[in-house]
Amino acid sequence: MKRRLAALSAVPLMLLLTACGSVQEATQTAANDAASKVATAAKDEVRKQVCAVAQDGLANVQDKASLGKLVDAAATAGLPSDITTPLGQIAASGDQVPAGSVAALKEACAA
């Protein structure tokens, strides 16, 4: 009798543990999905800011400074190298912004 009672007692415990595992998995999946959406939104926003300045052309020092502030954000957000490389070259340039880098950035933004 005691063996049967012990066996029957184990069934609810196993069901409870299985349910907890399912809840944990669902929570982890939801958290990963949310993090992915936030990362994608951040990436899209940084790209939007970079490309807005690039598409208008670099008209002044303020435009160059704006792009310079976005170099780290672009790398952190995971923008592709066809954007981050010319962006970094523009930011590192002195008074003469490299025309090739501007053209490459405009081309990358158009793609």
N, C-alpha and C. Protein backbone atom coordinates (compact mmCIF):
# COMPACT_ATOMS: atom_id res chain seq x y z
N MET A 1 0.81 -1.19 0.00
CA MET A 1 0.00 0.00 0.00
C MET A 1 0.86 1.26 0.00
N LYS A 2 1.90 1.25 0.84
CA LYS A 2 2.77 2.42 0.92
C LYS A 2 3.49 2.66 -0.40
N ARG A 3 3.86 1.58 -1.12
CA ARG A 3 4.56 1.73 -2.40
C ARG A 3 3.64 2.37 -3.43
N ARG A 4 2.39 1.95 -3.44
CA ARG A 4 1.45 2.51 -4.40
C ARG A 4 1.19 3.99 -4.08
N LEU A 5 1.08 4.32 -2.83
CA LEU A 5 0.87 5.70 -2.41
C LEU A 5 2.08 6.56 -2.79
N ALA A 6 3.27 6.03 -2.62
CA ALA A 6 4.48 6.76 -2.99
C ALA A 6 4.53 6.97 -4.50
N ALA A 7 4.15 5.97 -5.27
CA ALA A 7 4.15 6.09 -6.72
C ALA A 7 3.12 7.10 -7.18
N LEU A 8 1.96 7.08 -6.57
CA LEU A 8 0.91 8.05 -6.93
C LEU A 8 1.30 9.46 -6.53
N SER A 9 2.04 9.61 -5.46
CA SER A 9 2.49 10.93 -5.02
C SER A 9 3.51 11.52 -5.98
N ALA A 10 4.27 10.67 -6.64
CA ALA A 10 5.31 11.13 -7.56
C ALA A 10 4.73 11.69 -8.85
N VAL A 11 3.55 11.22 -9.24
CA VAL A 11 2.95 11.67 -10.50
C VAL A 11 2.66 13.17 -10.49
N PRO A 12 1.98 13.71 -9.48
CA PRO A 12 1.76 15.17 -9.49
C PRO A 12 3.06 15.97 -9.46
N LEU A 13 4.05 15.45 -8.76
CA LEU A 13 5.35 16.14 -8.70
C LEU A 13 5.98 16.18 -10.08
N MET A 14 5.92 15.07 -10.82
CA MET A 14 6.48 15.05 -12.17
C MET A 14 5.71 15.99 -13.09
N LEU A 15 4.39 16.03 -12.96
CA LEU A 15 3.59 16.95 -13.78
C LEU A 15 3.92 18.40 -13.45
N LEU A 16 4.10 18.69 -12.18
CA LEU A 16 4.45 20.04 -11.76
C LEU A 16 5.80 20.46 -12.32
N LEU A 17 6.77 19.57 -12.24
CA LEU A 17 8.10 19.88 -12.76
C LEU A 17 8.08 20.07 -14.28
N THR A 18 7.31 19.26 -14.96
CA THR A 18 7.18 19.40 -16.41
C THR A 18 6.54 20.74 -16.76
N ALA A 19 5.50 21.11 -16.03
CA ALA A 19 4.82 22.39 -16.27
C ALA A 19 5.76 23.56 -16.01
N CYS A 20 6.55 23.48 -14.95
CA CYS A 20 7.50 24.56 -14.65
C CYS A 20 8.53 24.70 -15.76
N GLY A 21 8.98 23.57 -16.29
CA GLY A 21 9.94 23.61 -17.40
C GLY A 21 9.34 24.27 -18.62
N SER A 22 8.07 23.99 -18.89
CA SER A 22 7.38 24.60 -20.04
C SER A 22 7.22 26.09 -19.85
N VAL A 23 6.88 26.50 -18.65
CA VAL A 23 6.73 27.93 -18.35
C VAL A 23 8.07 28.64 -18.51
N GLN A 24 9.11 28.03 -18.01
CA GLN A 24 10.44 28.62 -18.11
C GLN A 24 10.85 28.76 -19.58
N GLU A 25 10.59 27.74 -20.36
CA GLU A 25 10.93 27.77 -21.79
C GLU A 25 10.14 28.86 -22.51
N ALA A 26 8.86 28.97 -22.21
CA ALA A 26 8.03 30.00 -22.83
C ALA A 26 8.49 31.40 -22.44
N THR A 27 8.87 31.55 -21.18
CA THR A 27 9.37 32.85 -20.71
C THR A 27 10.67 33.22 -21.40
N GLN A 28 11.57 32.24 -21.53
CA GLN A 28 12.84 32.48 -22.20
C GLN A 28 12.64 32.84 -23.66
N THR A 29 11.72 32.15 -24.33
CA THR A 29 11.43 32.44 -25.74
C THR A 29 10.87 33.85 -25.89
N ALA A 30 9.96 34.23 -25.01
CA ALA A 30 9.38 35.57 -25.06
C ALA A 30 10.44 36.64 -24.81
N ALA A 31 11.33 36.39 -23.87
CA ALA A 31 12.41 37.35 -23.58
C ALA A 31 13.35 37.48 -24.77
N ASN A 32 13.68 36.36 -25.39
CA ASN A 32 14.56 36.41 -26.56
C ASN A 32 13.90 37.14 -27.72
N ASP A 33 12.62 36.90 -27.93
CA ASP A 33 11.90 37.60 -28.99
C ASP A 33 11.87 39.11 -28.75
N ALA A 34 11.62 39.50 -27.51
CA ALA A 34 11.58 40.92 -27.17
C ALA A 34 12.95 41.57 -27.37
N ALA A 35 14.00 40.89 -26.94
CA ALA A 35 15.35 41.43 -27.10
C ALA A 35 15.70 41.57 -28.57
N SER A 36 15.30 40.61 -29.37
CA SER A 36 15.56 40.67 -30.81
C SER A 36 14.84 41.85 -31.45
N LYS A 37 13.62 42.08 -31.04
CA LYS A 37 12.85 43.21 -31.59
C LYS A 37 13.46 44.55 -31.20
N VAL A 38 13.93 44.65 -29.96
CA VAL A 38 14.58 45.89 -29.51
C VAL A 38 15.87 46.12 -30.28
N ALA A 39 16.66 45.07 -30.47
CA ALA A 39 17.92 45.20 -31.21
C ALA A 39 17.66 45.61 -32.66
N THR A 40 16.65 45.02 -33.27
CA THR A 40 16.31 45.37 -34.65
C THR A 40 15.85 46.81 -34.75
N ALA A 41 15.04 47.24 -33.80
CA ALA A 41 14.56 48.63 -33.80
C ALA A 41 15.72 49.61 -33.63
N ALA A 42 16.66 49.27 -32.75
CA ALA A 42 17.82 50.14 -32.54
C ALA A 42 18.67 50.21 -33.80
N LYS A 43 18.88 49.07 -34.43
CA LYS A 43 19.67 49.02 -35.66
C LYS A 43 19.01 49.86 -36.75
N ASP A 44 17.71 49.71 -36.89
CA ASP A 44 16.97 50.48 -37.90
C ASP A 44 17.04 51.98 -37.63
N GLU A 45 16.97 52.37 -36.37
CA GLU A 45 17.02 53.79 -36.02
C GLU A 45 18.39 54.39 -36.31
N VAL A 46 19.45 53.67 -35.95
CA VAL A 46 20.81 54.18 -36.21
C VAL A 46 21.03 54.30 -37.72
N ARG A 47 20.61 53.28 -38.46
CA ARG A 47 20.75 53.33 -39.92
C ARG A 47 19.99 54.52 -40.49
N LYS A 48 18.80 54.74 -39.98
CA LYS A 48 17.98 55.87 -40.44
C LYS A 48 18.70 57.20 -40.21
N GLN A 49 19.30 57.35 -39.03
CA GLN A 49 20.00 58.60 -38.71
C GLN A 49 21.23 58.78 -39.59
N VAL A 50 22.01 57.72 -39.76
CA VAL A 50 23.22 57.80 -40.59
C VAL A 50 22.84 58.15 -42.02
N CYS A 51 21.87 57.43 -42.54
CA CYS A 51 21.51 57.59 -43.95
C CYS A 51 20.82 58.94 -44.22
N ALA A 52 20.14 59.48 -43.23
CA ALA A 52 19.51 60.79 -43.42
C ALA A 52 20.57 61.86 -43.68
N VAL A 53 21.66 61.82 -42.94
CA VAL A 53 22.74 62.78 -43.14
C VAL A 53 23.48 62.48 -44.44
N ALA A 54 23.72 61.21 -44.71
CA ALA A 54 24.49 60.83 -45.90
C ALA A 54 23.73 61.14 -47.18
N GLN A 55 22.45 60.90 -47.20
CA GLN A 55 21.67 61.12 -48.41
C GLN A 55 21.59 62.61 -48.77
N ASP A 56 21.58 63.44 -47.77
CA ASP A 56 21.54 64.88 -48.01
C ASP A 56 22.91 65.40 -48.45
N GLY A 57 23.91 64.61 -48.27
CA GLY A 57 25.27 65.04 -48.58
C GLY A 57 25.86 65.74 -47.38
N LEU A 58 27.15 65.64 -47.26
CA LEU A 58 27.82 66.32 -46.15
C LEU A 58 28.03 67.77 -46.53
N ALA A 59 27.22 68.62 -45.98
CA ALA A 59 27.27 70.02 -46.36
C ALA A 59 28.15 70.85 -45.44
N ASN A 60 28.30 70.41 -44.20
CA ASN A 60 29.05 71.25 -43.28
C ASN A 60 29.70 70.42 -42.17
N VAL A 61 30.40 71.10 -41.31
CA VAL A 61 31.11 70.46 -40.21
C VAL A 61 30.12 69.81 -39.24
N GLN A 62 28.97 70.41 -39.09
CA GLN A 62 27.95 69.86 -38.19
C GLN A 62 27.47 68.48 -38.68
N ASP A 63 27.31 68.33 -40.00
CA ASP A 63 26.92 67.03 -40.55
C ASP A 63 27.98 65.98 -40.25
N LYS A 64 29.25 66.36 -40.43
CA LYS A 64 30.36 65.44 -40.14
C LYS A 64 30.37 65.08 -38.66
N ALA A 65 30.12 66.04 -37.81
CA ALA A 65 30.08 65.79 -36.36
C ALA A 65 28.93 64.86 -36.00
N SER A 66 27.80 65.04 -36.67
CA SER A 66 26.64 64.17 -36.42
C SER A 66 26.97 62.72 -36.77
N LEU A 67 27.62 62.53 -37.90
CA LEU A 67 28.01 61.18 -38.30
C LEU A 67 29.06 60.61 -37.35
N GLY A 68 29.98 61.45 -36.92
CA GLY A 68 31.02 61.01 -36.00
C GLY A 68 30.45 60.46 -34.70
N LYS A 69 29.35 61.06 -34.23
CA LYS A 69 28.72 60.60 -33.00
C LYS A 69 28.01 59.25 -33.19
N LEU A 70 27.75 58.89 -34.42
CA LEU A 70 27.02 57.65 -34.69
C LEU A 70 27.91 56.45 -34.97
N VAL A 71 29.23 56.65 -35.01
CA VAL A 71 30.15 55.56 -35.34
C VAL A 71 30.01 54.41 -34.34
N ASP A 72 30.11 54.71 -33.07
CA ASP A 72 30.02 53.65 -32.06
C ASP A 72 28.63 53.01 -32.05
N ALA A 73 27.59 53.83 -32.19
CA ALA A 73 26.23 53.30 -32.19
C ALA A 73 26.02 52.36 -33.37
N ALA A 74 26.58 52.71 -34.53
CA ALA A 74 26.43 51.87 -35.72
C ALA A 74 27.12 50.53 -35.53
N ALA A 75 28.30 50.55 -34.95
CA ALA A 75 29.03 49.30 -34.71
C ALA A 75 28.31 48.44 -33.67
N THR A 76 27.86 49.07 -32.60
CA THR A 76 27.15 48.35 -31.54
C THR A 76 25.84 47.77 -32.05
N ALA A 77 25.14 48.51 -32.89
CA ALA A 77 23.86 48.04 -33.42
C ALA A 77 24.04 46.92 -34.44
N GLY A 78 25.25 46.75 -34.93
CA GLY A 78 25.50 45.67 -35.88
C GLY A 78 25.23 46.04 -37.32
N LEU A 79 25.38 47.32 -37.66
CA LEU A 79 25.22 47.71 -39.05
C LEU A 79 26.33 47.08 -39.88
N PRO A 80 26.07 46.80 -41.13
CA PRO A 80 27.07 46.13 -41.97
C PRO A 80 28.29 47.02 -42.23
N SER A 81 29.37 46.38 -42.60
CA SER A 81 30.63 47.10 -42.83
C SER A 81 30.55 48.07 -44.00
N ASP A 82 29.63 47.84 -44.95
CA ASP A 82 29.53 48.80 -46.05
C ASP A 82 28.99 50.14 -45.57
N ILE A 83 28.46 50.17 -44.36
CA ILE A 83 28.06 51.45 -43.74
C ILE A 83 29.08 51.88 -42.71
N THR A 84 29.51 50.96 -41.85
CA THR A 84 30.40 51.35 -40.75
C THR A 84 31.79 51.76 -41.21
N THR A 85 32.30 51.15 -42.27
CA THR A 85 33.65 51.50 -42.74
C THR A 85 33.71 52.93 -43.26
N PRO A 86 32.87 53.32 -44.24
CA PRO A 86 32.94 54.71 -44.67
C PRO A 86 32.54 55.70 -43.58
N LEU A 87 31.64 55.28 -42.71
CA LEU A 87 31.23 56.14 -41.61
C LEU A 87 32.43 56.43 -40.71
N GLY A 88 33.21 55.41 -40.40
CA GLY A 88 34.41 55.59 -39.59
C GLY A 88 35.45 56.45 -40.28
N GLN A 89 35.59 56.28 -41.61
CA GLN A 89 36.55 57.08 -42.37
C GLN A 89 36.15 58.55 -42.36
N ILE A 90 34.87 58.81 -42.49
CA ILE A 90 34.38 60.20 -42.46
C ILE A 90 34.62 60.80 -41.09
N ALA A 91 34.32 60.04 -40.05
CA ALA A 91 34.50 60.54 -38.69
C ALA A 91 35.96 60.82 -38.37
N ALA A 92 36.85 59.99 -38.90
CA ALA A 92 38.28 60.14 -38.61
C ALA A 92 38.96 61.19 -39.49
N SER A 93 38.27 61.63 -40.52
CA SER A 93 38.89 62.59 -41.44
C SER A 93 39.01 63.96 -40.78
N GLY A 94 39.93 64.71 -41.27
CA GLY A 94 40.13 66.06 -40.75
C GLY A 94 39.16 67.02 -41.41
N ASP A 95 39.72 68.12 -41.87
CA ASP A 95 38.88 69.14 -42.52
C ASP A 95 38.37 68.69 -43.87
N GLN A 96 39.11 67.81 -44.53
CA GLN A 96 38.72 67.33 -45.86
C GLN A 96 38.06 65.96 -45.75
N VAL A 97 36.75 65.93 -45.90
CA VAL A 97 36.01 64.67 -45.84
C VAL A 97 36.27 63.91 -47.13
N PRO A 98 36.67 62.64 -47.04
CA PRO A 98 36.98 61.87 -48.25
C PRO A 98 35.73 61.65 -49.10
N ALA A 99 35.77 62.15 -50.32
CA ALA A 99 34.62 62.05 -51.22
C ALA A 99 34.25 60.59 -51.50
N GLY A 100 35.25 59.73 -51.59
CA GLY A 100 34.99 58.32 -51.84
C GLY A 100 34.20 57.67 -50.70
N SER A 101 34.50 58.07 -49.49
CA SER A 101 33.79 57.53 -48.34
C SER A 101 32.34 58.03 -48.32
N VAL A 102 32.15 59.28 -48.66
CA VAL A 102 30.80 59.84 -48.73
C VAL A 102 29.99 59.10 -49.79
N ALA A 103 30.61 58.89 -50.96
CA ALA A 103 29.92 58.18 -52.05
C ALA A 103 29.60 56.74 -51.64
N ALA A 104 30.54 56.08 -50.97
CA ALA A 104 30.31 54.69 -50.54
C ALA A 104 29.19 54.63 -49.52
N LEU A 105 29.14 55.59 -48.62
CA LEU A 105 28.09 55.61 -47.61
C LEU A 105 26.73 55.87 -48.24
N LYS A 106 26.69 56.81 -49.19
CA LYS A 106 25.43 57.09 -49.89
C LYS A 106 24.96 55.86 -50.65
N GLU A 107 25.89 55.14 -51.27
CA GLU A 107 25.54 53.94 -52.02
C GLU A 107 25.01 52.84 -51.09
N ALA A 108 25.67 52.68 -49.96
CA ALA A 108 25.23 51.66 -48.98
C ALA A 108 23.85 51.99 -48.43
N CYS A 109 23.59 53.26 -48.23
CA CYS A 109 22.29 53.66 -47.71
C CYS A 109 21.19 53.48 -48.76
N ALA A 110 21.54 53.60 -49.99
CA ALA A 110 20.56 53.46 -51.07
C ALA A 110 20.17 51.99 -51.28
N ALA A 111 21.06 51.09 -50.87
CA ALA A 111 20.81 49.65 -51.08
C ALA A 111 19.80 49.11 -50.11
